[in-house]
PDB file of N, CA and C in Angstrom:
ATOM      1  N   MET A   1     126.652  94.240  -6.109  1.00  0.00           N
ATOM      2  CA  MET A   1     125.149  93.263  -6.357  1.00  0.00           C
ATOM      3  C   MET A   1     124.542  94.532  -6.485  1.00  0.00           C
ATOM      4  N   GLY A   2     122.883  94.377  -7.499  1.00  0.00           N
ATOM      5  CA  GLY A   2     122.050  95.565  -6.827  1.00  0.00           C
ATOM      6  C   GLY A   2     121.402  95.934  -5.987  1.00  0.00           C
ATOM      7  N   THR A   3     120.481  97.018  -5.816  1.00  0.00           N
ATOM      8  CA  THR A   3     119.270  97.440  -4.727  1.00  0.00           C
ATOM      9  C   THR A   3     118.317  96.597  -5.356  1.00  0.00           C
ATOM     10  N   PRO A   4     117.844  95.574  -4.416  1.00  0.00           N
ATOM     11  CA  PRO A   4     116.189  95.225  -5.137  1.00  0.00           C
ATOM     12  C   PRO A   4     115.532  96.419  -5.280  1.00  0.00           C
ATOM     13  N   THR A   5     114.597  96.167  -6.236  1.00  0.00           N
ATOM     14  CA  THR A   5     113.580  96.656  -7.263  1.00  0.00           C
ATOM     15  C   THR A   5     111.959  96.652  -6.162  1.00  0.00           C
ATOM     16  N   ARG A   6     111.412  97.384  -6.293  1.00  0.00           N
ATOM     17  CA  ARG A   6     109.963  97.148  -6.568  1.00  0.00           C
ATOM     18  C   ARG A   6     109.072  96.196  -7.592  1.00  0.00           C
ATOM     19  N   ARG A   7     107.992  95.431  -7.642  1.00  0.00           N
ATOM     20  CA  ARG A   7     107.876  95.550  -9.279  1.00  0.00           C
ATOM     21  C   ARG A   7     106.455  95.535  -8.642  1.00  0.00           C
ATOM     22  N   ARG A   8     105.150  96.403  -9.626  1.00  0.00           N
ATOM     23  CA  ARG A   8     103.824  96.673  -9.301  1.00  0.00           C
ATOM     24  C   ARG A   8     103.191  95.561 -10.248  1.00  0.00           C
ATOM     25  N   ARG A   9     101.995  94.941  -9.654  1.00  0.00           N
ATOM     26  CA  ARG A   9     101.321  94.200 -10.382  1.00  0.00           C
ATOM     27  C   ARG A   9     100.054  94.360 -10.957  1.00  0.00           C
ATOM     28  N   GLY A  10     100.565  95.760 -11.269  1.00  0.00           N
ATOM     29  CA  GLY A  10      99.228  95.811 -11.964  1.00  0.00           C
ATOM     30  C   GLY A  10      98.368  97.114 -11.375  1.00  0.00           C
ATOM     31  N   GLU A  11      97.709  97.380 -11.659  1.00  0.00           N
ATOM     32  CA  GLU A  11      96.984  98.892 -10.890  1.00  0.00           C
ATOM     33  C   GLU A  11      96.450  98.581  -9.782  1.00  0.00           C
ATOM     34  N   LYS A  12      96.561  98.700  -8.905  1.00  0.00           N
ATOM     35  CA  LYS A  12      95.772  98.965  -7.868  1.00  0.00           C
ATOM     36  C   LYS A  12      94.485 100.469  -7.615  1.00  0.00           C
ATOM     37  N   ASN A  13      93.366  99.807  -6.306  1.00  0.00           N
ATOM     38  CA  ASN A  13      91.917 100.663  -7.232  1.00  0.00           C
ATOM     39  C   ASN A  13      92.618 101.352  -5.410  1.00  0.00           C
ATOM     40  N   PRO A  14      92.605 103.608  -5.366  1.00  0.00           N
ATOM     41  CA  PRO A  14      93.040 103.801  -4.755  1.00  0.00           C
ATOM     42  C   PRO A  14      92.067 103.842  -3.550  1.00  0.00           C
ATOM     43  N   ASP A  15      90.778 103.969  -4.448  1.00  0.00           N
ATOM     44  CA  ASP A  15      89.305 103.755  -3.106  1.00  0.00           C
ATOM     45  C   ASP A  15      89.180 102.582  -2.683  1.00  0.00           C
ATOM     46  N   ALA A  16      89.086 101.659  -3.265  1.00  0.00           N
ATOM     47  CA  ALA A  16      89.195 100.324  -2.485  1.00  0.00           C
ATOM     48  C   ALA A  16      88.752 100.274  -0.867  1.00  0.00           C
ATOM     49  N   TRP A  17      89.849 100.936  -0.228  1.00  0.00           N
ATOM     50  CA  TRP A  17      89.834 100.681   1.115  1.00  0.00           C
ATOM     51  C   TRP A  17      88.384 101.577   1.458  1.00  0.00           C
ATOM     52  N   TRP A  18      87.665 102.562   1.252  1.00  0.00           N
ATOM     53  CA  TRP A  18      86.376 102.491   1.668  1.00  0.00           C
ATOM     54  C   TRP A  18      85.544 102.454   0.537  1.00  0.00           C
ATOM     55  N   GLN A  19      85.269 101.574  -0.198  1.00  0.00           N
ATOM     56  CA  GLN A  19      84.233 100.573  -1.766  1.00  0.00           C
ATOM     57  C   GLN A  19      82.999 100.185  -0.326  1.00  0.00           C
ATOM     58  N   GLY A  20      83.747  99.147   0.331  1.00  0.00           N
ATOM     59  CA  GLY A  20      83.359  97.418   0.595  1.00  0.00           C
ATOM     60  C   GLY A  20      83.131  98.457   2.319  1.00  0.00           C
ATOM     61  N   ALA A  21      82.929  99.831   2.787  1.00  0.00           N
ATOM     62  CA  ALA A  21      83.224  99.476   3.979  1.00  0.00           C
ATOM     63  C   ALA A  21      81.471  99.190   5.072  1.00  0.00           C
ATOM     64  N   TYR A  22      80.480  99.437   4.281  1.00  0.00           N
ATOM     65  CA  TYR A  22      79.724  99.169   4.737  1.00  0.00           C
ATOM     66  C   TYR A  22      79.149  97.288   5.002  1.00  0.00           C
ATOM     67  N   ALA A  23      80.372  97.265   3.780  1.00  0.00           N
ATOM     68  CA  ALA A  23      79.498  95.128   3.571  1.00  0.00           C
ATOM     69  C   ALA A  23      80.132  94.924   4.924  1.00  0.00           C
ATOM     70  N   GLY A  24      80.357  94.524   5.512  1.00  0.00           N
ATOM     71  CA  GLY A  24      79.868  93.285   6.623  1.00  0.00           C
ATOM     72  C   GLY A  24      79.090  93.629   7.010  1.00  0.00           C
ATOM     73  N   ILE A  25      77.867  94.715   7.005  1.00  0.00           N
ATOM     74  CA  ILE A  25      77.189  95.380   8.216  1.00  0.00           C
ATOM     75  C   ILE A  25      75.443  95.799   7.845  1.00  0.00           C
ATOM     76  N   PRO A  26      74.811  94.191   7.855  1.00  0.00           N
ATOM     77  CA  PRO A  26      73.947  93.913   6.968  1.00  0.00           C
ATOM     78  C   PRO A  26      72.654  94.696   6.564  1.00  0.00           C
ATOM     79  N   HIS A  27      72.462  95.061   7.747  1.00  0.00           N
ATOM     80  CA  HIS A  27      71.182  96.197   8.193  1.00  0.00           C
ATOM     81  C   HIS A  27      71.609  97.522   7.060  1.00  0.00           C
ATOM     82  N   ILE A  28      72.449  97.936   6.885  1.00  0.00           N
ATOM     83  CA  ILE A  28      73.127  99.319   6.195  1.00  0.00           C
ATOM     84  C   ILE A  28      73.308  99.352   5.231  1.00  0.00           C
ATOM     85  N   ILE A  29      72.767  99.396   4.221  1.00  0.00           N
ATOM     86  CA  ILE A  29      72.548  99.576   2.409  1.00  0.00           C
ATOM     87  C   ILE A  29      73.348 100.815   2.004  1.00  0.00           C
ATOM     88  N   ALA A  30      74.658 100.826   1.927  1.00  0.00           N
ATOM     89  CA  ALA A  30      75.345 101.701   0.257  1.00  0.00           C
ATOM     90  C   ALA A  30      74.939 102.766  -0.550  1.00  0.00           C
ATOM     91  N   SER A  31      74.618 103.617  -0.797  1.00  0.00           N
ATOM     92  CA  SER A  31      74.415 103.710  -2.382  1.00  0.00           C
ATOM     93  C   SER A  31      75.831 104.469  -2.944  1.00  0.00           C
ATOM     94  N   TYR A  32      76.549 104.580  -4.175  1.00  0.00           N
ATOM     95  CA  TYR A  32      77.410 106.084  -4.338  1.00  0.00           C
ATOM     96  C   TYR A  32      76.735 107.158  -5.703  1.00  0.00           C
ATOM     97  N   GLU A  33      75.396 106.698  -5.937  1.00  0.00           N
ATOM     98  CA  GLU A  33      74.872 107.904  -6.162  1.00  0.00           C
ATOM     99  C   GLU A  33      73.825 108.275  -5.531  1.00  0.00           C
ATOM    100  N   PHE A  34      73.520 109.902  -5.944  1.00  0.00           N
ATOM    101  CA  PHE A  34      72.487 110.497  -5.533  1.00  0.00           C
ATOM    102  C   PHE A  34      72.406 111.505  -6.540  1.00  0.00           C
ATOM    103  N   GLU A  35      70.732 111.779  -6.367  1.00  0.00           N
ATOM    104  CA  GLU A  35      70.323 112.691  -6.975  1.00  0.00           C
ATOM    105  C   GLU A  35      69.428 113.965  -6.536  1.00  0.00           C
ATOM    106  N   ILE A  36      69.766 115.606  -6.617  1.00  0.00           N
ATOM    107  CA  ILE A  36      69.565 116.214  -5.564  1.00  0.00           C
ATOM    108  C   ILE A  36      69.080 117.403  -6.808  1.00  0.00           C
ATOM    109  N   ASP A  37      67.884 117.908  -6.924  1.00  0.00           N
ATOM    110  CA  ASP A  37      67.771 119.325  -7.859  1.00  0.00           C
ATOM    111  C   ASP A  37      68.292 118.679  -9.275  1.00  0.00           C
ATOM    112  N   GLY A  38      68.457 117.549  -9.941  1.00  0.00           N
ATOM    113  CA  GLY A  38      68.042 117.203 -10.940  1.00  0.00           C
ATOM    114  C   GLY A  38      69.834 117.439 -11.556  1.00  0.00           C
ATOM    115  N   ASP A  39      70.681 117.008 -10.021  1.00  0.00           N
ATOM    116  CA  ASP A  39      72.328 117.200 -10.229  1.00  0.00           C
ATOM    117  C   ASP A  39      72.417 115.951  -9.899  1.00  0.00           C
ATOM    118  N   SER A  40      72.934 114.878 -10.918  1.00  0.00           N
ATOM    119  CA  SER A  40      73.850 113.396 -10.294  1.00  0.00           C
ATOM    120  C   SER A  40      75.432 113.914  -9.337  1.00  0.00           C
ATOM    121  N   ILE A  41      75.386 113.531  -8.016  1.00  0.00           N
ATOM    122  CA  ILE A  41      76.505 113.213  -7.394  1.00  0.00           C
ATOM    123  C   ILE A  41      76.814 112.033  -7.223  1.00  0.00           C
ATOM    124  N   LEU A  42      78.197 112.371  -7.708  1.00  0.00           N
ATOM    125  CA  LEU A  42      78.836 110.564  -7.750  1.00  0.00           C
ATOM    126  C   LEU A  42      80.046 110.736  -6.390  1.00  0.00           C
ATOM    127  N   PRO A  43      80.433 109.448  -6.498  1.00  0.00           N
ATOM    128  CA  PRO A  43      81.969 109.944  -5.775  1.00  0.00           C
ATOM    129  C   PRO A  43      82.718 110.818  -5.955  1.00  0.00           C
ATOM    130  N   LYS A  44      83.328 111.997  -4.936  1.00  0.00           N
ATOM    131  CA  LYS A  44      84.938 112.546  -5.228  1.00  0.00           C
ATOM    132  C   LYS A  44      83.625 114.025  -5.853  1.00  0.00           C
ATOM    133  N   SER A  45      83.347 114.192  -6.044  1.00  0.00           N
ATOM    134  CA  SER A  45      82.395 115.472  -5.976  1.00  0.00           C
ATOM    135  C   SER A  45      81.966 116.179  -4.989  1.00  0.00           C
ATOM    136  N   LEU A  46      82.351 117.435  -5.212  1.00  0.00           N
ATOM    137  CA  LEU A  46      82.342 118.539  -3.575  1.00  0.00           C
ATOM    138  C   LEU A  46      81.086 119.052  -4.206  1.00  0.00           C
ATOM    139  N   ILE A  47      81.115 119.147  -2.112  1.00  0.00           N
ATOM    140  CA  ILE A  47      78.958 119.037  -1.856  1.00  0.00           C
ATOM    141  C   ILE A  47      79.209 119.933  -0.972  1.00  0.00           C
ATOM    142  N   LYS A  48      78.171 120.353  -0.286  1.00  0.00           N
ATOM    143  CA  LYS A  48      78.436 122.198   0.590  1.00  0.00           C
ATOM    144  C   LYS A  48      77.157 121.396   1.477  1.00  0.00           C
ATOM    145  N   PHE A  49      77.115 121.952   2.741  1.00  0.00           N
ATOM    146  CA  PHE A  49      76.395 121.934   3.722  1.00  0.00           C
ATOM    147  C   PHE A  49      75.553 123.014   4.361  1.00  0.00           C
ATOM    148  N   LYS A  50      74.333 122.826   5.233  1.00  0.00           N
ATOM    149  CA  LYS A  50      74.207 123.918   5.815  1.00  0.00           C
ATOM    150  C   LYS A  50      74.920 123.839   6.916  1.00  0.00           C
ATOM    151  N   ASN A  51      74.547 125.148   7.377  1.00  0.00           N
ATOM    152  CA  ASN A  51      75.458 125.301   8.985  1.00  0.00           C
ATOM    153  C   ASN A  51      77.134 124.998   8.705  1.00  0.00           C
ATOM    154  N   THR A  52      77.837 124.411   7.994  1.00  0.00           N
ATOM    155  CA  THR A  52      79.104 124.183   7.484  1.00  0.00           C
ATOM    156  C   THR A  52      79.715 124.518   6.811  1.00  0.00           C
ATOM    157  N   ARG A  53      81.557 125.245   7.742  1.00  0.00           N
ATOM    158  CA  ARG A  53      81.990 125.289   6.368  1.00  0.00           C
ATOM    159  C   ARG A  53      82.341 124.321   6.076  1.00  0.00           C
ATOM    160  N   GLY A  54      82.840 124.781   4.744  1.00  0.00           N
ATOM    161  CA  GLY A  54      84.030 124.041   3.907  1.00  0.00           C
ATOM    162  C   GLY A  54      83.550 123.054   3.036  1.00  0.00           C
ATOM    163  N   SER A  55      83.905 122.515   2.354  1.00  0.00           N
ATOM    164  CA  SER A  55      83.318 122.394   1.126  1.00  0.00           C
ATOM    165  C   SER A  55      83.645 120.548   1.138  1.00  0.00           C
ATOM    166  N   PHE A  56      83.166 119.127   0.933  1.00  0.00           N
ATOM    167  CA  PHE A  56      83.399 117.893   1.337  1.00  0.00           C
ATOM    168  C   PHE A  56      83.077 116.934   0.304  1.00  0.00           C
ATOM    169  N   LYS A  57      83.929 115.409  -0.234  1.00  0.00           N
ATOM    170  CA  LYS A  57      84.442 115.189  -1.180  1.00  0.00           C
ATOM    171  C   LYS A  57      83.422 113.724  -0.866  1.00  0.00           C
ATOM    172  N   PHE A  58      82.102 113.936  -1.817  1.00  0.00           N
ATOM    173  CA  PHE A  58      80.954 113.000  -1.139  1.00  0.00           C
ATOM    174  C   PHE A  58      81.419 111.733  -1.290  1.00  0.00           C
ATOM    175  N   ARG A  59      81.126 110.336  -1.111  1.00  0.00           N
ATOM    176  CA  ARG A  59      81.433 109.209  -0.737  1.00  0.00           C
ATOM    177  C   ARG A  59      80.344 108.522  -0.985  1.00  0.00           C
ATOM    178  N   CYS A  60      79.263 108.126  -0.109  1.00  0.00           N
ATOM    179  CA  CYS A  60      78.381 107.548  -0.300  1.00  0.00           C
ATOM    180  C   CYS A  60      76.898 108.013   0.551  1.00  0.00           C
ATOM    181  N   VAL A  61      76.185 107.500  -0.045  1.00  0.00           N
ATOM    182  CA  VAL A  61      74.685 107.349   0.678  1.00  0.00           C
ATOM    183  C   VAL A  61      74.413 106.547   1.560  1.00  0.00           C
ATOM    184  N   ALA A  62      74.379 106.579   3.194  1.00  0.00           N
ATOM    185  CA  ALA A  62      74.300 105.297   3.910  1.00  0.00           C
ATOM    186  C   ALA A  62      72.594 105.301   4.468  1.00  0.00           C
ATOM    187  N   THR A  63      72.089 103.594   4.344  1.00  0.00           N
ATOM    188  CA  THR A  63      70.188 103.834   4.916  1.00  0.00           C
ATOM    189  C   THR A  63      70.335 103.087   6.083  1.00  0.00           C
ATOM    190  N   ASN A  64      70.326 102.832   7.112  1.00  0.00           N
ATOM    191  CA  ASN A  64      70.052 102.092   8.228  1.00  0.00           C
ATOM    192  C   ASN A  64      68.770 101.826   7.516  1.00  0.00           C
ATOM    193  N   VAL A  65      68.874  99.898   7.845  1.00  0.00           N
ATOM    194  CA  VAL A  65      67.187  99.641   7.448  1.00  0.00           C
ATOM    195  C   VAL A  65      66.378  99.763   8.723  1.00  0.00           C
ATOM    196  N   LYS A  66      66.969  99.108   9.484  1.00  0.00           N
ATOM    197  CA  LYS A  66      66.324  99.080  10.703  1.00  0.00           C
ATOM    198  C   LYS A  66      65.637 100.382  11.767  1.00  0.00           C
ATOM    199  N   THR A  67      66.129 101.349  11.231  1.00  0.00           N
ATOM    200  CA  THR A  67      66.417 102.885  11.767  1.00  0.00           C
ATOM    201  C   THR A  67      65.416 103.567  10.873  1.00  0.00           C
ATOM    202  N   GLY A  68      65.482 103.275   9.780  1.00  0.00           N
ATOM    203  CA  GLY A  68      64.916 104.396   8.372  1.00  0.00           C
ATOM    204  C   GLY A  68      65.730 105.829   8.363  1.00  0.00           C
ATOM    205  N   LYS A  69      67.387 105.561   9.201  1.00  0.00           N
ATOM    206  CA  LYS A  69      67.795 106.992   9.135  1.00  0.00           C
ATOM    207  C   LYS A  69      68.750 106.752   7.729  1.00  0.00           C
ATOM    208  N   THR A  70      68.983 107.945   7.375  1.00  0.00           N
ATOM    209  CA  THR A  70      69.347 108.193   5.887  1.00  0.00           C
ATOM    210  C   THR A  70      70.519 109.334   6.453  1.00  0.00           C
ATOM    211  N   TRP A  71      72.012 108.631   5.755  1.00  0.00           N
ATOM    212  CA  TRP A  71      72.763 110.625   5.660  1.00  0.00           C
ATOM    213  C   TRP A  71      73.653 109.808   5.133  1.00  0.00           C
ATOM    214  N   ILE A  72      74.982 111.081   4.543  1.00  0.00           N
ATOM    215  CA  ILE A  72      75.320 110.570   3.933  1.00  0.00           C
ATOM    216  C   ILE A  72      77.280 111.011   3.977  1.00  0.00           C
ATOM    217  N   ASP A  73      77.971 110.161   3.842  1.00  0.00           N
ATOM    218  CA  ASP A  73      79.626 110.269   4.026  1.00  0.00           C
ATOM    219  C   ASP A  73      80.626 110.582   3.276  1.00  0.00           C
ATOM    220  N   CYS A  74      81.090 111.858   3.458  1.00  0.00           N
ATOM    221  CA  CYS A  74      81.919 112.707   3.051  1.00  0.00           C
ATOM    222  C   CYS A  74      83.310 112.903   3.861  1.00  0.00           C
ATOM    223  N   ILE A  75      84.212 113.465   2.948  1.00  0.00           N
ATOM    224  CA  ILE A  75      85.484 114.057   3.607  1.00  0.00           C
ATOM    225  C   ILE A  75      85.722 115.316   3.571  1.00  0.00           C
ATOM    226  N   ASN A  76      86.299 115.602   4.247  1.00  0.00           N
ATOM    227  CA  ASN A  76      86.163 117.121   4.612  1.00  0.00           C
ATOM    228  C   ASN A  76      87.416 116.947   3.199  1.00  0.00           C
ATOM    229  N   ALA A  77      87.014 118.478   1.709  1.00  0.00           N
ATOM    230  CA  ALA A  77      88.356 118.578   1.161  1.00  0.00           C
ATOM    231  C   ALA A  77      89.632 118.981   1.006  1.00  0.00           C
ATOM    232  N   ASP A  78      89.585 119.783   2.569  1.00  0.00           N
ATOM    233  CA  ASP A  78      90.685 120.480   3.146  1.00  0.00           C
ATOM    234  C   ASP A  78      91.344 119.730   4.180  1.00  0.00           C
ATOM    235  N   THR A  79      91.242 119.092   5.151  1.00  0.00           N
ATOM    236  CA  THR A  79      91.550 118.595   6.124  1.00  0.00           C
ATOM    237  C   THR A  79      91.672 116.914   6.056  1.00  0.00           C
ATOM    238  N   GLY A  80      90.829 116.456   5.020  1.00  0.00           N
ATOM    239  CA  GLY A  80      91.070 114.717   5.101  1.00  0.00           C
ATOM    240  C   GLY A  80      89.767 114.211   5.925  1.00  0.00           C
ATOM    241  N   GLU A  81      89.140 114.714   7.155  1.00  0.00           N
ATOM    242  CA  GLU A  81      88.452 114.368   8.270  1.00  0.00           C
ATOM    243  C   GLU A  81      87.100 113.778   7.952  1.00  0.00           C
ATOM    244  N   TRP A  82      86.800 112.358   8.442  1.00  0.00           N
ATOM    245  CA  TRP A  82      85.473 111.832   7.704  1.00  0.00           C
ATOM    246  C   TRP A  82      84.627 112.594   8.179  1.00  0.00           C
ATOM    247  N   LYS A  83      82.739 112.807   7.528  1.00  0.00           N
ATOM    248  CA  LYS A  83      82.111 113.445   8.610  1.00  0.00           C
ATOM    249  C   LYS A  83      81.116 112.767   7.668  1.00  0.00           C
ATOM    250  N   SER A  84      79.765 112.667   8.605  1.00  0.00           N
ATOM    251  CA  SER A  84      78.050 112.176   8.154  1.00  0.00           C
ATOM    252  C   SER A  84      77.253 112.838   8.812  1.00  0.00           C
ATOM    253  N   PHE A  85      76.953 113.234   7.999  1.00  0.00           N
ATOM    254  CA  PHE A  85      75.297 114.154   7.560  1.00  0.00           C
ATOM    255  C   PHE A  85      74.065 113.789   7.303  1.00  0.00           C
ATOM    256  N   TYR A  86      72.924 114.766   8.215  1.00  0.00           N
ATOM    257  CA  TYR A  86      71.874 113.948   7.647  1.00  0.00           C
ATOM    258  C   TYR A  86      71.505 114.703   6.001  1.00  0.00           C
ATOM    259  N   VAL A  87      70.665 113.822   5.399  1.00  0.00           N
ATOM    260  CA  VAL A  87      70.781 114.030   3.631  1.00  0.00           C
ATOM    261  C   VAL A  87      69.922 115.946   3.656  1.00  0.00           C
ATOM    262  N   GLU A  88      68.687 115.677   4.662  1.00  0.00           N
ATOM    263  CA  GLU A  88      68.322 117.189   5.093  1.00  0.00           C
ATOM    264  C   GLU A  88      68.924 118.262   5.056  1.00  0.00           C
ATOM    265  N   LYS A  89      70.493 117.736   5.020  1.00  0.00           N
ATOM    266  CA  LYS A  89      71.338 119.272   5.719  1.00  0.00           C
ATOM    267  C   LYS A  89      72.131 119.768   4.255  1.00  0.00           C
ATOM    268  N   LEU A  90      71.795 118.870   3.443  1.00  0.00           N
ATOM    269  CA  LEU A  90      72.682 119.137   2.259  1.00  0.00           C
ATOM    270  C   LEU A  90      72.220 120.047   1.681  1.00  0.00           C
ATOM    271  N   LYS A  91      73.286 121.154   0.482  1.00  0.00           N
ATOM    272  CA  LYS A  91      72.989 122.549   0.045  1.00  0.00           C
ATOM    273  C   LYS A  91      73.294 122.174  -0.949  1.00  0.00           C
ATOM    274  N   GLY A  92      73.755 121.574  -1.522  1.00  0.00           N
ATOM    275  CA  GLY A  92      73.951 121.095  -3.136  1.00  0.00           C
ATOM    276  C   GLY A  92      75.206 121.108  -3.189  1.00  0.00           C
ATOM    277  N   LEU A  93      75.573 120.803  -4.639  1.00  0.00           N
ATOM    278  CA  LEU A  93      77.054 120.557  -5.431  1.00  0.00           C
ATOM    279  C   LEU A  93      77.796 121.941  -5.479  1.00  0.00           C
ATOM    280  N   VAL A  94      78.893 121.585  -5.283  1.00  0.00           N
ATOM    281  CA  VAL A  94      79.729 123.200  -5.382  1.00  0.00           C
ATOM    282  C   VAL A  94      79.651 122.953  -6.901  1.00  0.00           C
ATOM    283  N   LYS A  95      79.476 124.345  -7.645  1.00  0.00           N
ATOM    284  CA  LYS A  95      79.543 124.503  -8.766  1.00  0.00           C
ATOM    285  C   LYS A  95      81.202 125.371  -9.316  1.00  0.00           C
ATOM    286  N   PRO A  96      81.618 124.882 -10.435  1.00  0.00           N
ATOM    287  CA  PRO A  96      83.360 126.252 -10.412  1.00  0.00           C
ATOM    288  C   PRO A  96      82.154 128.101 -10.971  1.00  0.00           C
ATOM    289  N   ARG A  97      83.693 128.059 -10.717  1.00  0.00           N
ATOM    290  CA  ARG A  97      83.251 129.527 -10.918  1.00  0.00           C
ATOM    291  C   ARG A  97      83.296 130.205 -11.984  1.00  0.00           C
ATOM    292  N   ARG A  98      82.540 130.992 -11.931  1.00  0.00           N
ATOM    293  CA  ARG A  98      82.043 131.528 -13.354  1.00  0.00           C
ATOM    294  C   ARG A  98      82.675 132.199 -13.592  1.00  0.00           C
ATOM    295  N   PRO A  99      83.616 133.304 -14.551  1.00  0.00           N
ATOM    296  CA  PRO A  99      84.208 135.331 -14.679  1.00  0.00           C
ATOM    297  C   PRO A  99      83.645 135.826 -15.024  1.00  0.00           C
ATOM    298  N   ARG A 100      83.421 137.640 -14.265  1.00  0.00           N
ATOM    299  CA  ARG A 100      82.501 137.688 -14.738  1.00  0.00           C
ATOM    300  C   ARG A 100      82.680 138.453 -15.955  1.00  0.00           C
ATOM    301  N   ARG A 101      81.848 139.193 -16.473  1.00  0.00           N
ATOM    302  CA  ARG A 101      81.595 139.480 -18.340  1.00  0.00           C
ATOM    303  C   ARG A 101      81.932 140.717 -17.729  1.00  0.00           C
ATOM    304  N   ARG A 102      82.643 141.340 -18.213  1.00  0.00           N
ATOM    305  CA  ARG A 102      83.279 142.894 -18.376  1.00  0.00           C
ATOM    306  C   ARG A 102      82.030 143.734 -19.043  1.00  0.00           C
ATOM    307  N   ARG A 103      81.728 145.118 -18.566  1.00  0.00           N
ATOM    308  CA  ARG A 103      80.283 146.015 -18.770  1.00  0.00           C
ATOM    309  C   ARG A 103      81.168 146.895 -20.008  1.00  0.00           C
ATOM    310  N   ALA A 104      81.647 146.870 -21.655  1.00  0.00           N
ATOM    311  CA  ALA A 104      82.018 147.907 -22.113  1.00  0.00           C
ATOM    312  C   ALA A 104      81.643 149.211 -21.876  1.00  0.00           C
ATOM    313  N   VAL A 105      82.144 149.906 -21.801  1.00  0.00           N
ATOM    314  CA  VAL A 105      82.102 151.984 -20.962  1.00  0.00           C
ATOM    315  C   VAL A 105      82.474 152.558 -22.533  1.00  0.00           C
ATOM    316  N   ALA A 106      81.008 152.847 -22.268  1.00  0.00           N
ATOM    317  CA  ALA A 106      81.073 154.143 -23.779  1.00  0.00           C
ATOM    318  C   ALA A 106      82.039 155.335 -23.623  1.00  0.00           C
ATOM    319  N   GLN A 107      82.627 155.302 -24.708  1.00  0.00           N
ATOM    320  CA  GLN A 107      83.326 156.328 -24.983  1.00  0.00           C
ATOM    321  C   GLN A 107      82.926 157.725 -25.709  1.00  0.00           C
ATOM    322  N   ARG A 108      83.172 159.005 -24.666  1.00  0.00           N
ATOM    323  CA  ARG A 108      83.447 160.306 -25.570  1.00  0.00           C
ATOM    324  C   ARG A 108      84.428 161.021 -26.600  1.00  0.00           C
ATOM    325  N   ALA A 109      83.683 160.840 -27.140  1.00  0.00           N
ATOM    326  CA  ALA A 109      84.109 161.228 -28.559  1.00  0.00           C
ATOM    327  C   ALA A 109      84.668 163.258 -28.516  1.00  0.00           C
TER     328      ALA A 109
END
């Protein structure tokens, strides 16, 4: 007899475990888009914060309706730990590095 094989029943959403994180809490509203300085931040975008080392993957912006506090939930890109920061501490998106232009050197004849 052969060994049993596992069958997949369609594609599963790998992000489903955190997309409904605040679903059971009625006074916290989560939005998965945020705009800063004309740049739109979507989930999994790399962002940086003031006075904090490393870059983080954006998850959502949560607002507590009772207290009026707003914070950003994110995941550390290196270690995978979860962090929450106030929106005021956001520095911006991590932009990809651009290669430097080489200067043309004048040749002596």
